[in-house]
Amino acid sequence: MAMSQGGKAYRSTNEVVEFEPDRRIAWRSTGTWRGHIPVGGQRWRYILHPHRAGTYVEHAYVWGYARMPLLTVWLPGFPHRMRPAMERSLANLAALADNLLRREPQIVSTGKHR
């Protein structure tokens, strides 16, 4: 996806690096500029925790994998800036899940079966 930081345009690429069905998914985000990957590597992660009331979702941004963390993490102020964005992400995910739970089941037909 097209991104910009400090007035410099670059492309962000995401790659799934962890996956356990019904448990966790994580993806690595890297920035490509002029055909090189100078920044990124940090991981976004959702961890699902079963609970009697439903599922709790933990959202994490793992900085330890970042390339050039001073430039890509600390100078832009991401630890401080990311909390509100991550809270919005969880709220959007909860709204989507609630909406899906309220839908009427739909029967999908693929044609006649013999």
N, C-alpha and C. Protein backbone atom coordinates (compact mmCIF):
# COMPACT_ATOMS: atom_id res chain seq x y z
N MET A 1 0.85 -1.17 0.00
CA MET A 1 0.00 0.00 0.00
C MET A 1 0.89 1.23 0.00
N ALA A 2 0.40 2.32 -0.54
CA ALA A 2 1.17 3.56 -0.64
C ALA A 2 1.21 4.25 0.73
N MET A 3 2.40 4.66 1.15
CA MET A 3 2.59 5.29 2.45
C MET A 3 3.47 6.53 2.27
N SER A 4 3.57 7.32 3.32
CA SER A 4 4.45 8.49 3.32
C SER A 4 4.92 8.74 4.74
N GLN A 5 6.18 9.08 4.88
CA GLN A 5 6.73 9.42 6.18
C GLN A 5 7.80 10.49 5.98
N GLY A 6 7.66 11.56 6.71
CA GLY A 6 8.64 12.64 6.59
C GLY A 6 8.71 13.21 5.18
N GLY A 7 7.58 13.19 4.47
CA GLY A 7 7.55 13.71 3.11
C GLY A 7 8.09 12.75 2.07
N LYS A 8 8.51 11.56 2.45
CA LYS A 8 9.05 10.57 1.52
C LYS A 8 8.00 9.49 1.26
N ALA A 9 7.68 9.30 -0.01
CA ALA A 9 6.71 8.28 -0.38
C ALA A 9 7.40 6.92 -0.46
N TYR A 10 6.71 5.89 0.00
CA TYR A 10 7.23 4.53 -0.10
C TYR A 10 6.05 3.56 -0.14
N ARG A 11 6.33 2.31 -0.40
CA ARG A 11 5.30 1.27 -0.41
C ARG A 11 5.47 0.40 0.82
N SER A 12 4.37 0.06 1.44
CA SER A 12 4.38 -0.83 2.59
C SER A 12 3.87 -2.20 2.14
N THR A 13 4.61 -3.22 2.52
CA THR A 13 4.24 -4.59 2.19
C THR A 13 4.04 -5.36 3.48
N ASN A 14 2.97 -6.15 3.54
CA ASN A 14 2.68 -6.95 4.72
C ASN A 14 2.75 -8.43 4.37
N GLU A 15 3.37 -9.20 5.26
CA GLU A 15 3.54 -10.64 5.04
C GLU A 15 3.18 -11.37 6.34
N VAL A 16 2.30 -12.34 6.25
CA VAL A 16 1.92 -13.12 7.43
C VAL A 16 3.13 -13.96 7.85
N VAL A 17 3.53 -13.83 9.13
CA VAL A 17 4.70 -14.54 9.63
C VAL A 17 4.38 -15.49 10.78
N GLU A 18 3.19 -15.40 11.34
CA GLU A 18 2.74 -16.32 12.39
C GLU A 18 1.26 -16.59 12.14
N PHE A 19 0.86 -17.84 12.26
CA PHE A 19 -0.55 -18.16 12.13
C PHE A 19 -0.87 -19.44 12.87
N GLU A 20 -1.77 -19.36 13.82
CA GLU A 20 -2.33 -20.51 14.51
C GLU A 20 -3.84 -20.34 14.44
N PRO A 21 -4.55 -21.20 13.72
CA PRO A 21 -6.00 -21.03 13.58
C PRO A 21 -6.69 -20.87 14.94
N ASP A 22 -7.59 -19.93 15.00
CA ASP A 22 -8.38 -19.63 16.20
C ASP A 22 -7.53 -19.20 17.39
N ARG A 23 -6.27 -18.81 17.15
CA ARG A 23 -5.39 -18.44 18.26
C ARG A 23 -4.60 -17.16 18.00
N ARG A 24 -3.93 -17.07 16.85
CA ARG A 24 -3.11 -15.88 16.59
C ARG A 24 -2.81 -15.72 15.11
N ILE A 25 -2.59 -14.44 14.76
CA ILE A 25 -2.07 -14.10 13.44
C ILE A 25 -1.16 -12.90 13.63
N ALA A 26 -0.03 -12.93 12.95
CA ALA A 26 0.91 -11.80 13.00
C ALA A 26 1.44 -11.58 11.60
N TRP A 27 1.70 -10.31 11.30
CA TRP A 27 2.27 -9.99 9.99
C TRP A 27 3.37 -8.95 10.16
N ARG A 28 4.34 -9.09 9.27
CA ARG A 28 5.49 -8.17 9.25
C ARG A 28 5.20 -7.10 8.22
N SER A 29 5.47 -5.87 8.61
CA SER A 29 5.27 -4.73 7.73
C SER A 29 6.64 -4.16 7.36
N THR A 30 6.91 -4.05 6.06
CA THR A 30 8.18 -3.48 5.62
C THR A 30 7.91 -2.36 4.61
N GLY A 31 8.82 -1.42 4.57
CA GLY A 31 8.72 -0.31 3.64
C GLY A 31 9.70 -0.48 2.50
N THR A 32 9.22 -0.35 1.27
CA THR A 32 10.08 -0.45 0.09
C THR A 32 10.22 0.93 -0.53
N TRP A 33 11.47 1.32 -0.75
CA TRP A 33 11.76 2.63 -1.35
C TRP A 33 12.82 2.42 -2.42
N ARG A 34 12.48 2.77 -3.65
CA ARG A 34 13.39 2.63 -4.79
C ARG A 34 13.93 1.20 -4.91
N GLY A 35 13.06 0.22 -4.67
CA GLY A 35 13.43 -1.18 -4.83
C GLY A 35 14.17 -1.80 -3.66
N HIS A 36 14.40 -1.06 -2.60
CA HIS A 36 15.11 -1.58 -1.42
C HIS A 36 14.16 -1.59 -0.22
N ILE A 37 14.51 -2.37 0.77
CA ILE A 37 13.72 -2.43 2.01
C ILE A 37 14.56 -1.82 3.13
N PRO A 38 14.56 -0.49 3.23
CA PRO A 38 15.40 0.15 4.25
C PRO A 38 14.77 0.17 5.64
N VAL A 39 13.44 0.05 5.72
CA VAL A 39 12.76 0.20 7.01
C VAL A 39 11.72 -0.88 7.19
N GLY A 40 11.30 -1.02 8.41
CA GLY A 40 10.22 -1.94 8.73
C GLY A 40 10.73 -3.21 9.37
N GLY A 41 9.90 -4.21 9.34
CA GLY A 41 10.21 -5.48 9.95
C GLY A 41 9.43 -5.72 11.24
N GLN A 42 8.92 -4.63 11.81
CA GLN A 42 8.12 -4.79 13.03
C GLN A 42 6.88 -5.61 12.73
N ARG A 43 6.32 -6.22 13.76
CA ARG A 43 5.18 -7.11 13.58
C ARG A 43 3.93 -6.58 14.26
N TRP A 44 2.84 -6.71 13.56
CA TRP A 44 1.51 -6.49 14.12
C TRP A 44 1.00 -7.88 14.49
N ARG A 45 0.27 -7.97 15.59
CA ARG A 45 -0.19 -9.28 16.03
C ARG A 45 -1.56 -9.17 16.69
N TYR A 46 -2.44 -10.11 16.36
CA TYR A 46 -3.69 -10.31 17.08
C TYR A 46 -3.59 -11.67 17.76
N ILE A 47 -3.86 -11.70 19.06
CA ILE A 47 -3.90 -12.95 19.81
C ILE A 47 -5.31 -13.10 20.36
N LEU A 48 -5.92 -14.25 20.12
CA LEU A 48 -7.29 -14.50 20.55
C LEU A 48 -7.28 -15.31 21.84
N HIS A 49 -8.04 -14.82 22.82
CA HIS A 49 -8.15 -15.49 24.12
C HIS A 49 -9.60 -15.92 24.32
N PRO A 50 -9.87 -17.24 24.34
CA PRO A 50 -11.25 -17.70 24.57
C PRO A 50 -11.72 -17.26 25.96
N HIS A 51 -12.98 -16.89 26.03
CA HIS A 51 -13.58 -16.46 27.29
C HIS A 51 -15.04 -16.88 27.27
N ARG A 52 -15.62 -17.14 28.42
CA ARG A 52 -17.01 -17.61 28.45
C ARG A 52 -17.97 -16.61 27.82
N ALA A 53 -17.62 -15.33 27.82
CA ALA A 53 -18.48 -14.30 27.23
C ALA A 53 -18.20 -14.08 25.74
N GLY A 54 -17.23 -14.77 25.21
CA GLY A 54 -16.86 -14.59 23.81
C GLY A 54 -15.37 -14.78 23.63
N THR A 55 -14.75 -13.88 22.92
CA THR A 55 -13.32 -13.95 22.68
C THR A 55 -12.70 -12.59 22.96
N TYR A 56 -11.67 -12.58 23.78
CA TYR A 56 -10.90 -11.36 23.98
C TYR A 56 -9.82 -11.32 22.90
N VAL A 57 -9.60 -10.13 22.35
CA VAL A 57 -8.58 -9.96 21.32
C VAL A 57 -7.49 -9.05 21.86
N GLU A 58 -6.28 -9.53 21.84
CA GLU A 58 -5.11 -8.75 22.24
C GLU A 58 -4.43 -8.26 20.96
N HIS A 59 -4.13 -6.98 20.91
CA HIS A 59 -3.50 -6.39 19.73
C HIS A 59 -2.12 -5.92 20.15
N ALA A 60 -1.10 -6.37 19.45
CA ALA A 60 0.27 -6.00 19.81
C ALA A 60 1.02 -5.48 18.60
N TYR A 61 1.94 -4.58 18.86
CA TYR A 61 2.85 -4.07 17.84
C TYR A 61 4.24 -4.33 18.38
N VAL A 62 4.95 -5.29 17.80
CA VAL A 62 6.23 -5.75 18.33
C VAL A 62 7.36 -5.00 17.63
N TRP A 63 7.98 -4.08 18.37
CA TRP A 63 9.01 -3.21 17.80
C TRP A 63 10.35 -3.91 17.62
N GLY A 64 10.59 -4.96 18.37
CA GLY A 64 11.91 -5.59 18.39
C GLY A 64 12.43 -6.10 17.06
N TYR A 65 11.56 -6.30 16.10
CA TYR A 65 11.98 -6.79 14.78
C TYR A 65 12.31 -5.66 13.80
N ALA A 66 12.10 -4.43 14.20
CA ALA A 66 12.24 -3.29 13.29
C ALA A 66 13.68 -3.09 12.83
N ARG A 67 13.82 -2.78 11.54
CA ARG A 67 15.11 -2.37 10.99
C ARG A 67 15.23 -0.87 11.23
N MET A 68 16.38 -0.42 11.63
CA MET A 68 16.63 1.00 11.88
C MET A 68 15.56 1.58 12.83
N PRO A 69 15.41 1.01 14.04
CA PRO A 69 14.32 1.42 14.93
C PRO A 69 14.35 2.89 15.33
N LEU A 70 15.52 3.49 15.42
CA LEU A 70 15.56 4.91 15.75
C LEU A 70 14.81 5.72 14.69
N LEU A 71 15.06 5.41 13.44
CA LEU A 71 14.43 6.13 12.33
C LEU A 71 12.96 5.74 12.14
N THR A 72 12.66 4.46 12.25
CA THR A 72 11.32 3.99 11.91
C THR A 72 10.35 3.92 13.08
N VAL A 73 10.85 3.92 14.30
CA VAL A 73 9.98 3.77 15.46
C VAL A 73 10.03 4.97 16.39
N TRP A 74 11.20 5.30 16.87
CA TRP A 74 11.31 6.28 17.94
C TRP A 74 11.20 7.73 17.46
N LEU A 75 11.89 8.11 16.39
CA LEU A 75 11.81 9.50 15.93
C LEU A 75 10.39 9.90 15.49
N PRO A 76 9.67 9.02 14.79
CA PRO A 76 8.28 9.38 14.44
C PRO A 76 7.33 9.34 15.64
N GLY A 77 7.79 8.84 16.78
CA GLY A 77 6.94 8.81 17.98
C GLY A 77 5.90 7.71 17.98
N PHE A 78 6.20 6.59 17.30
CA PHE A 78 5.19 5.56 17.18
C PHE A 78 4.74 4.94 18.50
N PRO A 79 5.60 4.66 19.45
CA PRO A 79 5.03 4.05 20.67
C PRO A 79 3.89 4.89 21.26
N HIS A 80 4.04 6.18 21.25
CA HIS A 80 3.01 7.06 21.80
C HIS A 80 1.83 7.20 20.83
N ARG A 81 2.12 7.32 19.55
CA ARG A 81 1.07 7.56 18.56
C ARG A 81 0.23 6.33 18.25
N MET A 82 0.78 5.13 18.46
CA MET A 82 0.09 3.92 18.03
C MET A 82 -1.05 3.50 18.96
N ARG A 83 -0.99 3.83 20.23
CA ARG A 83 -2.02 3.37 21.16
C ARG A 83 -3.44 3.77 20.71
N PRO A 84 -3.70 5.04 20.39
CA PRO A 84 -5.06 5.39 19.94
C PRO A 84 -5.45 4.66 18.65
N ALA A 85 -4.51 4.49 17.73
CA ALA A 85 -4.82 3.80 16.48
C ALA A 85 -5.14 2.33 16.74
N MET A 86 -4.41 1.71 17.65
CA MET A 86 -4.65 0.30 17.97
C MET A 86 -5.99 0.14 18.69
N GLU A 87 -6.34 1.10 19.54
CA GLU A 87 -7.64 1.05 20.22
C GLU A 87 -8.78 1.19 19.20
N ARG A 88 -8.61 2.06 18.20
CA ARG A 88 -9.61 2.18 17.13
C ARG A 88 -9.71 0.88 16.33
N SER A 89 -8.58 0.26 16.08
CA SER A 89 -8.56 -0.99 15.34
C SER A 89 -9.35 -2.07 16.09
N LEU A 90 -9.16 -2.17 17.40
CA LEU A 90 -9.91 -3.14 18.19
C LEU A 90 -11.40 -2.81 18.22
N ALA A 91 -11.73 -1.54 18.33
CA ALA A 91 -13.14 -1.13 18.31
C ALA A 91 -13.78 -1.48 16.96
N ASN A 92 -13.07 -1.25 15.86
CA ASN A 92 -13.59 -1.59 14.53
C ASN A 92 -13.78 -3.10 14.40
N LEU A 93 -12.84 -3.87 14.92
CA LEU A 93 -12.94 -5.32 14.87
C LEU A 93 -14.14 -5.81 15.68
N ALA A 94 -14.34 -5.23 16.87
CA ALA A 94 -15.49 -5.61 17.71
C ALA A 94 -16.80 -5.26 17.01
N ALA A 95 -16.89 -4.10 16.38
CA ALA A 95 -18.11 -3.70 15.67
C ALA A 95 -18.39 -4.66 14.50
N LEU A 96 -17.36 -5.04 13.79
CA LEU A 96 -17.53 -5.98 12.68
C LEU A 96 -18.03 -7.33 13.20
N ALA A 97 -17.43 -7.82 14.28
CA ALA A 97 -17.86 -9.10 14.85
C ALA A 97 -19.31 -9.03 15.32
N ASP A 98 -19.67 -7.94 16.00
CA ASP A 98 -21.06 -7.77 16.45
C ASP A 98 -22.03 -7.75 15.27
N ASN A 99 -21.65 -7.06 14.21
CA ASN A 99 -22.49 -6.99 13.02
C ASN A 99 -22.67 -8.37 12.40
N LEU A 100 -21.60 -9.14 12.32
CA LEU A 100 -21.70 -10.48 11.75
C LEU A 100 -22.56 -11.40 12.60
N LEU A 101 -22.49 -11.25 13.92
CA LEU A 101 -23.31 -12.09 14.82
C LEU A 101 -24.79 -11.77 14.71
N ARG A 102 -25.14 -10.55 14.36
CA ARG A 102 -26.54 -10.13 14.25
C ARG A 102 -27.17 -10.50 12.92
N ARG A 103 -26.37 -10.84 11.94
CA ARG A 103 -26.91 -11.19 10.63
C ARG A 103 -27.70 -12.48 10.67
N GLU A 104 -28.69 -12.54 9.82
CA GLU A 104 -29.44 -13.77 9.66
C GLU A 104 -28.58 -14.75 8.86
N PRO A 105 -28.62 -16.01 9.24
CA PRO A 105 -27.87 -17.01 8.45
C PRO A 105 -28.38 -17.02 7.02
N GLN A 106 -27.50 -17.17 6.07
CA GLN A 106 -27.89 -17.20 4.67
C GLN A 106 -27.57 -18.57 4.09
N ILE A 107 -28.48 -19.06 3.29
CA ILE A 107 -28.27 -20.33 2.62
C ILE A 107 -27.67 -20.02 1.25
N VAL A 108 -26.57 -20.62 0.98
CA VAL A 108 -25.89 -20.41 -0.30
C VAL A 108 -26.05 -21.66 -1.14
N SER A 109 -26.57 -21.49 -2.33
CA SER A 109 -26.77 -22.60 -3.23
C SER A 109 -25.75 -22.53 -4.35
N THR A 110 -25.15 -23.65 -4.65
CA THR A 110 -24.18 -23.70 -5.75
C THR A 110 -24.78 -24.39 -6.96
N GLY A 111 -26.07 -24.59 -6.95
CA GLY A 111 -26.71 -25.25 -8.09
C GLY A 111 -27.29 -26.59 -7.68
N LYS A 112 -27.78 -27.29 -8.65
CA LYS A 112 -28.40 -28.60 -8.37
C LYS A 112 -27.33 -29.64 -8.09
N HIS A 113 -27.65 -30.50 -7.14
CA HIS A 113 -26.76 -31.62 -6.83
C HIS A 113 -27.48 -32.91 -7.19
N ARG A 114 -26.78 -33.81 -7.78
CA ARG A 114 -27.39 -35.09 -8.18
C ARG A 114 -26.86 -36.21 -7.36
